[in-house]
Amino acid sequence: MERAIERVLFASRWLMAPMYLGLVGTLAILLWAFVLELYHFALEIPQLTVDHAVMGALSLIDLSLAANLLLIVIFSGYENFVSRMDTHEHEDRPDWQSEVDFSTLKLKLVASIVAISGIHLLKVFMDIDKYSGEKITWMVVIHLVFVISGVLLALMDWIANHAKSMKKAAKYDTAKS
């Protein structure tokens, strides 16, 4: 009975695979949004000002960061929770692909969210007249919450890794004695 339950539980990881395929669909939607944004940006070239050029570039960067974030979640999530990808011999395999564990994934996610939030905040600051003081305040507060959350997550991971290395060192010292 116990083995049957464990087999079902272990096999249940495959229920995540359709979710990762759905994220691939989301990646395609982001590509579509990127192409549309680039098209609209290109149409503005004849009357483009420096501020609008920077805003257009920031919008494209924002979309590419979101797409990169999706790829990180798709690749590392699939490999960490479903199954290893048999692409080790492929010349284009990203170096980080098999090295991103859950802890690293959390930090990459938070770092990407902070970067995206920072870009949105920069876009607001470049067109500050369109926003109320209250809205700008909330956007800065939310961005700071993301930054502080990222720092605290990194600190927690550092503490956990430091504790693990201290345990290993203590075991080694005990075994050596």
N, C-alpha and C. Protein backbone atom coordinates (compact mmCIF):
# COMPACT_ATOMS: atom_id res chain seq x y z
N MET A 1 0.82 -1.19 0.00
CA MET A 1 0.00 0.00 0.00
C MET A 1 0.88 1.27 0.00
N GLU A 2 1.90 1.26 0.86
CA GLU A 2 2.79 2.41 0.96
C GLU A 2 3.50 2.68 -0.38
N ARG A 3 3.97 1.61 -1.02
CA ARG A 3 4.65 1.77 -2.32
C ARG A 3 3.71 2.32 -3.38
N ALA A 4 2.49 1.87 -3.37
CA ALA A 4 1.51 2.34 -4.36
C ALA A 4 1.25 3.84 -4.15
N ILE A 5 1.11 4.26 -2.91
CA ILE A 5 0.89 5.68 -2.61
C ILE A 5 2.09 6.49 -3.06
N GLU A 6 3.29 5.99 -2.75
CA GLU A 6 4.50 6.71 -3.13
C GLU A 6 4.65 6.81 -4.64
N ARG A 7 4.28 5.75 -5.36
CA ARG A 7 4.35 5.79 -6.83
C ARG A 7 3.37 6.82 -7.39
N VAL A 8 2.16 6.85 -6.84
CA VAL A 8 1.17 7.83 -7.29
C VAL A 8 1.66 9.25 -6.99
N LEU A 9 2.18 9.45 -5.79
CA LEU A 9 2.69 10.78 -5.42
C LEU A 9 3.84 11.19 -6.34
N PHE A 10 4.75 10.27 -6.61
CA PHE A 10 5.89 10.57 -7.46
C PHE A 10 5.43 10.87 -8.89
N ALA A 11 4.47 10.10 -9.38
CA ALA A 11 3.96 10.30 -10.74
C ALA A 11 3.16 11.60 -10.85
N SER A 12 2.64 12.09 -9.74
CA SER A 12 1.82 13.31 -9.77
C SER A 12 2.62 14.53 -10.23
N ARG A 13 3.93 14.45 -10.21
CA ARG A 13 4.74 15.58 -10.66
C ARG A 13 4.44 15.90 -12.12
N TRP A 14 3.98 14.91 -12.89
CA TRP A 14 3.69 15.13 -14.30
C TRP A 14 2.46 16.02 -14.50
N LEU A 15 1.69 16.23 -13.44
CA LEU A 15 0.56 17.15 -13.54
C LEU A 15 1.05 18.59 -13.74
N MET A 16 2.32 18.84 -13.42
CA MET A 16 2.90 20.17 -13.62
C MET A 16 3.27 20.41 -15.09
N ALA A 17 3.52 19.36 -15.85
CA ALA A 17 3.98 19.51 -17.24
C ALA A 17 3.02 20.36 -18.09
N PRO A 18 1.69 20.15 -18.02
CA PRO A 18 0.81 21.02 -18.81
C PRO A 18 0.90 22.50 -18.39
N MET A 19 1.21 22.74 -17.13
CA MET A 19 1.36 24.13 -16.68
C MET A 19 2.57 24.77 -17.34
N TYR A 20 3.67 24.03 -17.45
CA TYR A 20 4.85 24.57 -18.12
C TYR A 20 4.59 24.77 -19.61
N LEU A 21 3.80 23.89 -20.21
CA LEU A 21 3.41 24.10 -21.61
C LEU A 21 2.53 25.34 -21.74
N GLY A 22 1.68 25.58 -20.76
CA GLY A 22 0.87 26.80 -20.75
C GLY A 22 1.74 28.04 -20.65
N LEU A 23 2.83 27.95 -19.89
CA LEU A 23 3.77 29.08 -19.81
C LEU A 23 4.47 29.30 -21.14
N VAL A 24 4.70 28.24 -21.91
CA VAL A 24 5.25 28.40 -23.26
C VAL A 24 4.26 29.19 -24.12
N GLY A 25 2.97 28.90 -23.95
CA GLY A 25 1.93 29.68 -24.64
C GLY A 25 1.97 31.14 -24.22
N THR A 26 2.19 31.38 -22.95
CA THR A 26 2.31 32.75 -22.44
C THR A 26 3.52 33.43 -23.05
N LEU A 27 4.59 32.68 -23.25
CA LEU A 27 5.79 33.22 -23.90
C LEU A 27 5.45 33.67 -25.33
N ALA A 28 4.64 32.87 -26.03
CA ALA A 28 4.22 33.23 -27.38
C ALA A 28 3.37 34.51 -27.36
N ILE A 29 2.53 34.66 -26.34
CA ILE A 29 1.71 35.88 -26.21
C ILE A 29 2.61 37.09 -25.96
N LEU A 30 3.64 36.92 -25.11
CA LEU A 30 4.59 38.02 -24.89
C LEU A 30 5.33 38.38 -26.17
N LEU A 31 5.66 37.38 -26.97
CA LEU A 31 6.32 37.66 -28.26
C LEU A 31 5.39 38.50 -29.14
N TRP A 32 4.13 38.14 -29.17
CA TRP A 32 3.15 38.90 -29.96
C TRP A 32 3.08 40.35 -29.45
N ALA A 33 3.02 40.51 -28.13
CA ALA A 33 2.97 41.86 -27.55
C ALA A 33 4.24 42.63 -27.89
N PHE A 34 5.39 41.96 -27.88
CA PHE A 34 6.67 42.59 -28.23
C PHE A 34 6.64 43.08 -29.68
N VAL A 35 6.18 42.22 -30.58
CA VAL A 35 6.13 42.58 -32.00
C VAL A 35 5.19 43.77 -32.21
N LEU A 36 4.03 43.76 -31.55
CA LEU A 36 3.09 44.89 -31.66
C LEU A 36 3.71 46.17 -31.11
N GLU A 37 4.37 46.08 -29.96
CA GLU A 37 5.02 47.24 -29.36
C GLU A 37 6.12 47.78 -30.27
N LEU A 38 6.91 46.88 -30.86
CA LEU A 38 7.96 47.29 -31.78
C LEU A 38 7.38 47.96 -33.02
N TYR A 39 6.27 47.41 -33.52
CA TYR A 39 5.59 47.98 -34.69
C TYR A 39 5.11 49.41 -34.39
N HIS A 40 4.43 49.57 -33.26
CA HIS A 40 3.94 50.91 -32.89
C HIS A 40 5.10 51.87 -32.64
N PHE A 41 6.15 51.37 -32.07
CA PHE A 41 7.35 52.18 -31.81
C PHE A 41 7.96 52.63 -33.14
N ALA A 42 8.04 51.71 -34.10
CA ALA A 42 8.62 52.04 -35.41
C ALA A 42 7.76 53.07 -36.15
N LEU A 43 6.44 53.01 -35.96
CA LEU A 43 5.56 53.98 -36.61
C LEU A 43 5.78 55.40 -36.10
N GLU A 44 6.30 55.52 -34.88
CA GLU A 44 6.52 56.83 -34.27
C GLU A 44 7.86 57.46 -34.67
N ILE A 45 8.67 56.76 -35.43
CA ILE A 45 10.02 57.24 -35.76
C ILE A 45 10.02 58.65 -36.36
N PRO A 46 9.12 58.98 -37.30
CA PRO A 46 9.19 60.33 -37.89
C PRO A 46 9.02 61.48 -36.87
N GLN A 47 8.22 61.29 -35.84
CA GLN A 47 8.02 62.35 -34.85
C GLN A 47 8.59 61.96 -33.48
N LEU A 48 9.56 61.08 -33.46
CA LEU A 48 10.11 60.54 -32.21
C LEU A 48 10.96 61.57 -31.48
N THR A 49 10.67 61.75 -30.21
CA THR A 49 11.50 62.59 -29.35
C THR A 49 12.42 61.68 -28.54
N VAL A 50 13.40 62.25 -27.89
CA VAL A 50 14.32 61.46 -27.07
C VAL A 50 13.56 60.74 -25.97
N ASP A 51 12.65 61.45 -25.31
CA ASP A 51 11.88 60.84 -24.22
C ASP A 51 11.05 59.66 -24.72
N HIS A 52 10.40 59.85 -25.88
CA HIS A 52 9.59 58.75 -26.43
C HIS A 52 10.47 57.57 -26.88
N ALA A 53 11.67 57.88 -27.36
CA ALA A 53 12.59 56.81 -27.76
C ALA A 53 12.99 55.98 -26.54
N VAL A 54 13.30 56.66 -25.45
CA VAL A 54 13.67 55.95 -24.23
C VAL A 54 12.49 55.15 -23.70
N MET A 55 11.29 55.75 -23.72
CA MET A 55 10.09 55.05 -23.24
C MET A 55 9.81 53.80 -24.08
N GLY A 56 9.96 53.93 -25.40
CA GLY A 56 9.75 52.78 -26.27
C GLY A 56 10.76 51.68 -26.01
N ALA A 57 12.01 52.08 -25.84
CA ALA A 57 13.06 51.09 -25.54
C ALA A 57 12.79 50.41 -24.21
N LEU A 58 12.37 51.18 -23.21
CA LEU A 58 12.07 50.59 -21.89
C LEU A 58 10.91 49.61 -21.97
N SER A 59 9.92 49.92 -22.78
CA SER A 59 8.79 48.99 -22.95
C SER A 59 9.26 47.67 -23.56
N LEU A 60 10.14 47.76 -24.55
CA LEU A 60 10.65 46.54 -25.18
C LEU A 60 11.54 45.75 -24.21
N ILE A 61 12.35 46.46 -23.44
CA ILE A 61 13.19 45.80 -22.43
C ILE A 61 12.32 45.11 -21.39
N ASP A 62 11.26 45.78 -20.98
CA ASP A 62 10.33 45.23 -19.99
C ASP A 62 9.74 43.90 -20.49
N LEU A 63 9.31 43.88 -21.73
CA LEU A 63 8.74 42.65 -22.29
C LEU A 63 9.80 41.55 -22.40
N SER A 64 11.02 41.92 -22.78
CA SER A 64 12.06 40.89 -22.90
C SER A 64 12.45 40.34 -21.53
N LEU A 65 12.46 41.18 -20.50
CA LEU A 65 12.74 40.69 -19.14
C LEU A 65 11.65 39.73 -18.67
N ALA A 66 10.41 40.07 -18.97
CA ALA A 66 9.31 39.17 -18.60
C ALA A 66 9.44 37.83 -19.33
N ALA A 67 9.85 37.87 -20.60
CA ALA A 67 10.04 36.63 -21.36
C ALA A 67 11.20 35.81 -20.79
N ASN A 68 12.30 36.50 -20.43
CA ASN A 68 13.43 35.80 -19.81
C ASN A 68 12.99 35.13 -18.51
N LEU A 69 12.20 35.83 -17.74
CA LEU A 69 11.68 35.29 -16.48
C LEU A 69 10.86 34.03 -16.74
N LEU A 70 10.02 34.07 -17.74
CA LEU A 70 9.23 32.88 -18.09
C LEU A 70 10.12 31.71 -18.48
N LEU A 71 11.16 31.97 -19.26
CA LEU A 71 12.07 30.89 -19.65
C LEU A 71 12.76 30.27 -18.44
N ILE A 72 13.18 31.12 -17.52
CA ILE A 72 13.83 30.60 -16.31
C ILE A 72 12.86 29.71 -15.53
N VAL A 73 11.62 30.16 -15.39
CA VAL A 73 10.62 29.38 -14.65
C VAL A 73 10.31 28.08 -15.40
N ILE A 74 10.17 28.15 -16.71
CA ILE A 74 9.85 26.95 -17.49
C ILE A 74 10.98 25.91 -17.38
N PHE A 75 12.20 26.34 -17.69
CA PHE A 75 13.31 25.40 -17.69
C PHE A 75 13.62 24.85 -16.30
N SER A 76 13.81 25.75 -15.36
CA SER A 76 14.22 25.27 -14.04
C SER A 76 13.08 24.61 -13.30
N GLY A 77 11.87 25.10 -13.48
CA GLY A 77 10.73 24.47 -12.83
C GLY A 77 10.52 23.05 -13.34
N TYR A 78 10.59 22.88 -14.65
CA TYR A 78 10.42 21.55 -15.23
C TYR A 78 11.52 20.61 -14.73
N GLU A 79 12.77 21.08 -14.77
CA GLU A 79 13.88 20.23 -14.34
C GLU A 79 13.86 19.95 -12.84
N ASN A 80 13.43 20.89 -12.03
CA ASN A 80 13.42 20.69 -10.58
C ASN A 80 12.23 19.86 -10.10
N PHE A 81 11.10 19.96 -10.79
CA PHE A 81 9.90 19.34 -10.26
C PHE A 81 9.31 18.23 -11.11
N VAL A 82 9.66 18.15 -12.39
CA VAL A 82 9.05 17.14 -13.26
C VAL A 82 10.08 16.12 -13.71
N SER A 83 11.02 16.53 -14.55
CA SER A 83 11.98 15.58 -15.12
C SER A 83 13.17 16.34 -15.70
N ARG A 84 14.31 15.70 -15.72
CA ARG A 84 15.51 16.29 -16.34
C ARG A 84 15.30 16.34 -17.85
N MET A 85 15.77 17.42 -18.47
CA MET A 85 15.73 17.52 -19.93
C MET A 85 16.98 16.87 -20.49
N ASP A 86 16.81 16.02 -21.48
CA ASP A 86 17.94 15.33 -22.09
C ASP A 86 18.53 16.19 -23.21
N THR A 87 19.13 17.32 -22.83
CA THR A 87 19.71 18.24 -23.81
C THR A 87 21.17 18.54 -23.49
N HIS A 88 21.81 17.69 -22.71
CA HIS A 88 23.18 17.97 -22.26
C HIS A 88 24.15 18.13 -23.42
N GLU A 89 23.94 17.40 -24.50
CA GLU A 89 24.87 17.47 -25.61
C GLU A 89 24.54 18.59 -26.59
N HIS A 90 23.41 19.27 -26.41
CA HIS A 90 23.03 20.34 -27.34
C HIS A 90 23.92 21.56 -27.13
N GLU A 91 24.45 22.08 -28.23
CA GLU A 91 25.41 23.19 -28.15
C GLU A 91 24.80 24.48 -27.61
N ASP A 92 23.50 24.65 -27.73
CA ASP A 92 22.84 25.88 -27.28
C ASP A 92 22.23 25.78 -25.89
N ARG A 93 22.46 24.69 -25.21
CA ARG A 93 21.90 24.53 -23.86
C ARG A 93 22.48 25.61 -22.95
N PRO A 94 21.61 26.37 -22.27
CA PRO A 94 22.11 27.40 -21.35
C PRO A 94 22.93 26.77 -20.21
N ASP A 95 24.04 27.40 -19.86
CA ASP A 95 24.91 26.88 -18.81
C ASP A 95 24.20 26.76 -17.47
N TRP A 96 23.29 27.67 -17.19
CA TRP A 96 22.63 27.71 -15.89
C TRP A 96 21.51 26.69 -15.76
N GLN A 97 21.08 26.07 -16.87
CA GLN A 97 19.85 25.28 -16.88
C GLN A 97 19.80 24.21 -15.81
N SER A 98 20.82 23.40 -15.67
CA SER A 98 20.76 22.32 -14.68
C SER A 98 21.25 22.77 -13.32
N GLU A 99 21.71 24.02 -13.20
CA GLU A 99 22.27 24.49 -11.95
C GLU A 99 21.29 25.32 -11.12
N VAL A 100 20.11 25.63 -11.66
CA VAL A 100 19.15 26.47 -10.94
C VAL A 100 18.26 25.58 -10.09
N ASP A 101 18.51 25.60 -8.78
CA ASP A 101 17.65 24.87 -7.86
C ASP A 101 16.53 25.79 -7.40
N PHE A 102 15.67 25.29 -6.52
CA PHE A 102 14.51 26.07 -6.09
C PHE A 102 14.93 27.38 -5.43
N SER A 103 15.98 27.34 -4.63
CA SER A 103 16.46 28.53 -3.94
C SER A 103 16.94 29.58 -4.94
N THR A 104 17.72 29.16 -5.91
CA THR A 104 18.21 30.06 -6.94
C THR A 104 17.06 30.60 -7.78
N LEU A 105 16.08 29.73 -8.06
CA LEU A 105 14.92 30.14 -8.84
C LEU A 105 14.17 31.27 -8.13
N LYS A 106 13.98 31.14 -6.82
CA LYS A 106 13.31 32.20 -6.05
C LYS A 106 14.05 33.51 -6.20
N LEU A 107 15.37 33.47 -6.06
CA LEU A 107 16.16 34.70 -6.15
C LEU A 107 16.11 35.30 -7.56
N LYS A 108 16.16 34.45 -8.58
CA LYS A 108 16.08 34.95 -9.95
C LYS A 108 14.70 35.57 -10.22
N LEU A 109 13.66 34.95 -9.69
CA LEU A 109 12.31 35.50 -9.85
C LEU A 109 12.20 36.87 -9.21
N VAL A 110 12.66 36.97 -7.97
CA VAL A 110 12.58 38.25 -7.27
C VAL A 110 13.43 39.30 -7.96
N ALA A 111 14.62 38.92 -8.41
CA ALA A 111 15.48 39.89 -9.10
C ALA A 111 14.82 40.37 -10.39
N SER A 112 14.17 39.48 -11.11
CA SER A 112 13.48 39.87 -12.34
C SER A 112 12.29 40.78 -12.03
N ILE A 113 11.55 40.46 -10.99
CA ILE A 113 10.41 41.29 -10.60
C ILE A 113 10.89 42.69 -10.20
N VAL A 114 11.98 42.75 -9.46
CA VAL A 114 12.54 44.05 -9.06
C VAL A 114 12.97 44.84 -10.31
N ALA A 115 13.60 44.17 -11.26
CA ALA A 115 14.03 44.85 -12.49
C ALA A 115 12.83 45.36 -13.27
N ILE A 116 11.80 44.54 -13.42
CA ILE A 116 10.60 44.94 -14.15
C ILE A 116 9.92 46.11 -13.42
N SER A 117 9.81 46.00 -12.11
CA SER A 117 9.22 47.08 -11.32
C SER A 117 10.03 48.37 -11.46
N GLY A 118 11.34 48.24 -11.45
CA GLY A 118 12.20 49.41 -11.62
C GLY A 118 12.02 50.07 -12.97
N ILE A 119 11.85 49.27 -14.01
CA ILE A 119 11.62 49.83 -15.35
C ILE A 119 10.29 50.57 -15.40
N HIS A 120 9.24 49.97 -14.79
CA HIS A 120 7.95 50.65 -14.74
C HIS A 120 8.07 51.98 -13.99
N LEU A 121 8.79 51.96 -12.91
CA LEU A 121 8.98 53.18 -12.12
C LEU A 121 9.74 54.24 -12.92
N LEU A 122 10.75 53.80 -13.67
CA LEU A 122 11.50 54.73 -14.51
C LEU A 122 10.60 55.34 -15.59
N LYS A 123 9.74 54.52 -16.18
CA LYS A 123 8.79 55.02 -17.17
C LYS A 123 7.85 56.06 -16.55
N VAL A 124 7.42 55.81 -15.32
CA VAL A 124 6.56 56.78 -14.63
C VAL A 124 7.32 58.07 -14.39
N PHE A 125 8.55 57.98 -13.92
CA PHE A 125 9.34 59.18 -13.64
C PHE A 125 9.62 59.99 -14.90
N MET A 126 9.71 59.31 -16.04
CA MET A 126 9.97 60.03 -17.29
C MET A 126 8.73 60.75 -17.81
N ASP A 127 7.56 60.32 -17.32
CA ASP A 127 6.31 60.94 -17.75
C ASP A 127 5.49 61.28 -16.50
N ILE A 128 6.14 61.90 -15.56
CA ILE A 128 5.61 62.10 -14.20
C ILE A 128 4.33 62.94 -14.17
N ASP A 129 4.13 63.80 -15.15
CA ASP A 129 2.96 64.67 -15.17
C ASP A 129 1.64 63.91 -15.31
N LYS A 130 1.70 62.69 -15.85
CA LYS A 130 0.50 61.89 -16.07
C LYS A 130 0.01 61.17 -14.81
N TYR A 131 0.79 61.19 -13.74
CA TYR A 131 0.47 60.41 -12.55
C TYR A 131 0.27 61.31 -11.33
N SER A 132 -0.66 60.88 -10.48
CA SER A 132 -0.89 61.63 -9.24
C SER A 132 0.22 61.30 -8.24
N GLY A 133 0.41 62.20 -7.30
CA GLY A 133 1.42 61.98 -6.26
C GLY A 133 1.15 60.71 -5.47
N GLU A 134 -0.13 60.45 -5.21
CA GLU A 134 -0.49 59.25 -4.44
C GLU A 134 -0.12 57.97 -5.21
N LYS A 135 -0.40 57.97 -6.52
CA LYS A 135 -0.08 56.79 -7.33
C LYS A 135 1.43 56.57 -7.38
N ILE A 136 2.19 57.63 -7.55
CA ILE A 136 3.65 57.52 -7.59
C ILE A 136 4.17 57.01 -6.25
N THR A 137 3.62 57.53 -5.16
CA THR A 137 4.03 57.07 -3.83
C THR A 137 3.80 55.57 -3.69
N TRP A 138 2.61 55.12 -4.10
CA TRP A 138 2.31 53.68 -3.99
C TRP A 138 3.24 52.85 -4.86
N MET A 139 3.56 53.34 -6.05
CA MET A 139 4.45 52.59 -6.94
C MET A 139 5.85 52.49 -6.32
N VAL A 140 6.33 53.56 -5.71
CA VAL A 140 7.64 53.53 -5.04
C VAL A 140 7.60 52.58 -3.85
N VAL A 141 6.53 52.64 -3.07
CA VAL A 141 6.40 51.75 -1.91
C VAL A 141 6.39 50.29 -2.36
N ILE A 142 5.62 49.98 -3.39
CA ILE A 142 5.55 48.60 -3.89
C ILE A 142 6.93 48.16 -4.39
N HIS A 143 7.61 49.03 -5.12
CA HIS A 143 8.95 48.69 -5.60
C HIS A 143 9.90 48.41 -4.43
N LEU A 144 9.84 49.25 -3.40
CA LEU A 144 10.68 49.04 -2.22
C LEU A 144 10.34 47.74 -1.51
N VAL A 145 9.07 47.38 -1.48
CA VAL A 145 8.68 46.09 -0.89
C VAL A 145 9.31 44.95 -1.68
N PHE A 146 9.30 45.04 -3.01
CA PHE A 146 9.96 44.01 -3.83
C PHE A 146 11.45 43.94 -3.53
N VAL A 147 12.10 45.10 -3.45
CA VAL A 147 13.54 45.14 -3.18
C VAL A 147 13.85 44.53 -1.82
N ILE A 148 13.12 44.97 -0.80
CA ILE A 148 13.35 44.46 0.56
C ILE A 148 13.06 42.96 0.63
N SER A 149 12.00 42.51 -0.03
CA SER A 149 11.69 41.07 -0.06
C SER A 149 12.84 40.29 -0.69
N GLY A 150 13.39 40.82 -1.77
CA GLY A 150 14.52 40.15 -2.43
C GLY A 150 15.73 40.07 -1.52
N VAL A 151 16.03 41.16 -0.83
CA VAL A 151 17.17 41.16 0.08
C VAL A 151 16.94 40.17 1.21
N LEU A 152 15.73 40.14 1.77
CA LEU A 152 15.43 39.21 2.86
C LEU A 152 15.48 37.75 2.39
N LEU A 153 14.99 37.47 1.18
CA LEU A 153 15.08 36.10 0.64
C LEU A 153 16.54 35.69 0.46
N ALA A 154 17.35 36.60 -0.07
CA ALA A 154 18.77 36.30 -0.25
C ALA A 154 19.44 36.07 1.10
N LEU A 155 19.09 36.88 2.08
CA LEU A 155 19.65 36.72 3.41
C LEU A 155 19.25 35.38 4.03
N MET A 156 17.98 35.02 3.87
CA MET A 156 17.53 33.72 4.40
C MET A 156 18.27 32.57 3.73
N ASP A 157 18.44 32.64 2.43
CA ASP A 157 19.18 31.59 1.72
C ASP A 157 20.63 31.55 2.17
N TRP A 158 21.25 32.71 2.37
CA TRP A 158 22.63 32.76 2.83
C TRP A 158 22.74 32.13 4.22
N ILE A 159 21.81 32.45 5.11
CA ILE A 159 21.82 31.87 6.46
C ILE A 159 21.65 30.35 6.39
N ALA A 160 20.71 29.89 5.56
CA ALA A 160 20.48 28.45 5.43
C ALA A 160 21.72 27.75 4.87
N ASN A 161 22.33 28.32 3.83
CA ASN A 161 23.53 27.71 3.25
C ASN A 161 24.71 27.75 4.23
N HIS A 162 24.82 28.83 4.99
CA HIS A 162 25.88 28.95 5.99
C HIS A 162 25.69 27.88 7.08
N ALA A 163 24.44 27.68 7.50
CA ALA A 163 24.16 26.67 8.52
C ALA A 163 24.50 25.27 8.00
N LYS A 164 24.17 25.00 6.73
CA LYS A 164 24.49 23.69 6.14
C LYS A 164 26.00 23.47 6.10
N SER A 165 26.75 24.50 5.68
CA SER A 165 28.20 24.34 5.60
C SER A 165 28.81 24.18 7.00
N MET A 166 28.23 24.82 7.99
CA MET A 166 28.72 24.66 9.37
C MET A 166 28.46 23.23 9.87
N LYS A 167 27.30 22.67 9.51
CA LYS A 167 26.99 21.28 9.90
C LYS A 167 27.97 20.32 9.24
N LYS A 168 28.23 20.55 7.95
CA LYS A 168 29.17 19.68 7.23
C LYS A 168 30.56 19.77 7.86
N ALA A 169 30.98 20.98 8.20
CA ALA A 169 32.30 21.16 8.81
C ALA A 169 32.36 20.48 10.17
N ALA A 170 31.27 20.57 10.94
CA ALA A 170 31.23 19.92 12.26
C ALA A 170 31.29 18.39 12.11
N LYS A 171 30.57 17.85 11.12
CA LYS A 171 30.60 16.40 10.88
C LYS A 171 32.00 15.96 10.48
N TYR A 172 32.65 16.77 9.60
CA TYR A 172 33.99 16.45 9.15
C TYR A 172 34.95 16.46 10.33
N ASP A 173 34.85 17.49 11.17
CA ASP A 173 35.72 17.57 12.34
C ASP A 173 35.50 16.41 13.29
N THR A 174 34.24 16.00 13.48
CA THR A 174 33.92 14.86 14.35
C THR A 174 34.49 13.56 13.78
N ALA A 175 34.33 13.38 12.47
CA ALA A 175 34.82 12.17 11.82
C ALA A 175 36.35 12.14 11.83
N LYS A 176 36.97 13.29 11.74
CA LYS A 176 38.42 13.38 11.72
C LYS A 176 39.03 13.05 13.10
N SER A 177 38.30 13.39 14.16
CA SER A 177 38.82 13.17 15.52
C SER A 177 38.85 11.74 15.92
